[in-house]
Amino acid sequence: MKYRFINDHWHEFWIAAMCRVLSVTRDGFYQLVHKPMSDRDIEDQRLLGVIRGSYRRPPA
């Protein structure tokens, strides 16, 4: 959750400052950012797109 916040707001605040305030390491953040997506993560993203798409379509 903390790393996600940092990733979502890196363009607004310095990464080092956010890591310090949130009590996480920059190394841990960068490891997460550069970690390749697992097969499970890829499938979860695909399913999320399908679910969101089903809510956007008008009922038949």
C-alpha atoms as a PDB file:
ATOM      1  CA  MET A   1       0.000   0.000   0.000  1.00  0.00           C
ATOM      2  CA  LYS A   2       2.794   2.422   0.875  1.00  0.00           C
ATOM      3  CA  TYR A   3       4.755   1.513  -2.223  1.00  0.00           C
ATOM      4  CA  ARG A   4       1.677   2.002  -4.378  1.00  0.00           C
ATOM      5  CA  PHE A   5       1.210   5.491  -2.928  1.00  0.00           C
ATOM      6  CA  ILE A   6       4.832   6.319  -3.707  1.00  0.00           C
ATOM      7  CA  ASN A   7       4.474   4.998  -7.232  1.00  0.00           C
ATOM      8  CA  ASP A   8       1.276   6.994  -7.799  1.00  0.00           C
ATOM      9  CA  HIS A   9       2.766  10.256  -6.488  1.00  0.00           C
ATOM     10  CA  TRP A  10       6.424  10.135  -7.571  1.00  0.00           C
ATOM     11  CA  HIS A  11       5.857  13.073  -9.925  1.00  0.00           C
ATOM     12  CA  GLU A  12       4.561  15.276  -7.075  1.00  0.00           C
ATOM     13  CA  PHE A  13       7.033  14.493  -4.279  1.00  0.00           C
ATOM     14  CA  TRP A  14      10.601  13.275  -3.984  1.00  0.00           C
ATOM     15  CA  ILE A  15      10.745   9.503  -3.689  1.00  0.00           C
ATOM     16  CA  ALA A  16      13.338   9.723  -0.905  1.00  0.00           C
ATOM     17  CA  ALA A  17      11.103  12.030   1.134  1.00  0.00           C
ATOM     18  CA  MET A  18       8.036   9.799   0.727  1.00  0.00           C
ATOM     19  CA  CYS A  19      10.041   6.717   1.714  1.00  0.00           C
ATOM     20  CA  ARG A  20      11.323   8.478   4.817  1.00  0.00           C
ATOM     21  CA  VAL A  21       7.857   9.727   5.845  1.00  0.00           C
ATOM     22  CA  LEU A  22       6.242   6.338   5.197  1.00  0.00           C
ATOM     23  CA  SER A  23       9.091   4.450   6.905  1.00  0.00           C
ATOM     24  CA  VAL A  24      10.017   2.299   3.918  1.00  0.00           C
ATOM     25  CA  THR A  25      13.331   1.896   2.144  1.00  0.00           C
ATOM     26  CA  ARG A  26      14.044   3.311  -1.298  1.00  0.00           C
ATOM     27  CA  ASP A  27      15.703   0.014  -2.147  1.00  0.00           C
ATOM     28  CA  GLY A  28      12.497  -1.860  -1.350  1.00  0.00           C
ATOM     29  CA  PHE A  29      10.482   0.543  -3.497  1.00  0.00           C
ATOM     30  CA  TYR A  30      12.826   0.223  -6.476  1.00  0.00           C
ATOM     31  CA  GLN A  31      12.925  -3.566  -6.163  1.00  0.00           C
ATOM     32  CA  LEU A  32       9.150  -3.647  -6.396  1.00  0.00           C
ATOM     33  CA  VAL A  33       9.034  -1.207  -9.321  1.00  0.00           C
ATOM     34  CA  HIS A  34      11.576  -3.149 -11.375  1.00  0.00           C
ATOM     35  CA  LYS A  35      10.228  -6.607 -10.515  1.00  0.00           C
ATOM     36  CA  PRO A  36       8.738  -8.345 -13.564  1.00  0.00           C
ATOM     37  CA  MET A  37       5.037  -9.117 -13.363  1.00  0.00           C
ATOM     38  CA  SER A  38       4.192 -12.696 -12.451  1.00  0.00           C
ATOM     39  CA  ASP A  39       1.800 -14.788 -14.533  1.00  0.00           C
ATOM     40  CA  ARG A  40      -0.761 -14.340 -11.751  1.00  0.00           C
ATOM     41  CA  ASP A  41      -0.388 -10.545 -11.857  1.00  0.00           C
ATOM     42  CA  ILE A  42      -0.839 -10.548 -15.633  1.00  0.00           C
ATOM     43  CA  GLU A  43      -3.978 -12.690 -15.394  1.00  0.00           C
ATOM     44  CA  ASP A  44      -5.348 -10.492 -12.593  1.00  0.00           C
ATOM     45  CA  GLN A  45      -4.865  -7.391 -14.764  1.00  0.00           C
ATOM     46  CA  ARG A  46      -6.608  -9.090 -17.697  1.00  0.00           C
ATOM     47  CA  LEU A  47      -9.560 -10.121 -15.536  1.00  0.00           C
ATOM     48  CA  LEU A  48      -9.804  -6.653 -14.019  1.00  0.00           C
ATOM     49  CA  GLY A  49     -10.130  -5.227 -17.534  1.00  0.00           C
ATOM     50  CA  VAL A  50     -12.897  -7.722 -18.360  1.00  0.00           C
ATOM     51  CA  ILE A  51     -14.761  -6.898 -15.141  1.00  0.00           C
ATOM     52  CA  ARG A  52     -14.468  -3.150 -15.641  1.00  0.00           C
ATOM     53  CA  GLY A  53     -15.560  -3.520 -19.262  1.00  0.00           C
ATOM     54  CA  SER A  54     -18.680  -5.410 -18.242  1.00  0.00           C
ATOM     55  CA  TYR A  55     -19.730  -2.518 -15.991  1.00  0.00           C
ATOM     56  CA  ARG A  56     -19.269   0.039 -18.763  1.00  0.00           C
ATOM     57  CA  ARG A  57     -21.498  -1.727 -21.272  1.00  0.00           C
ATOM     58  CA  PRO A  58     -25.195  -0.909 -21.226  1.00  0.00           C
ATOM     59  CA  PRO A  59     -27.461  -3.860 -20.379  1.00  0.00           C
ATOM     60  CA  ALA A  60     -28.597  -5.902 -23.376  1.00  0.00           C
END
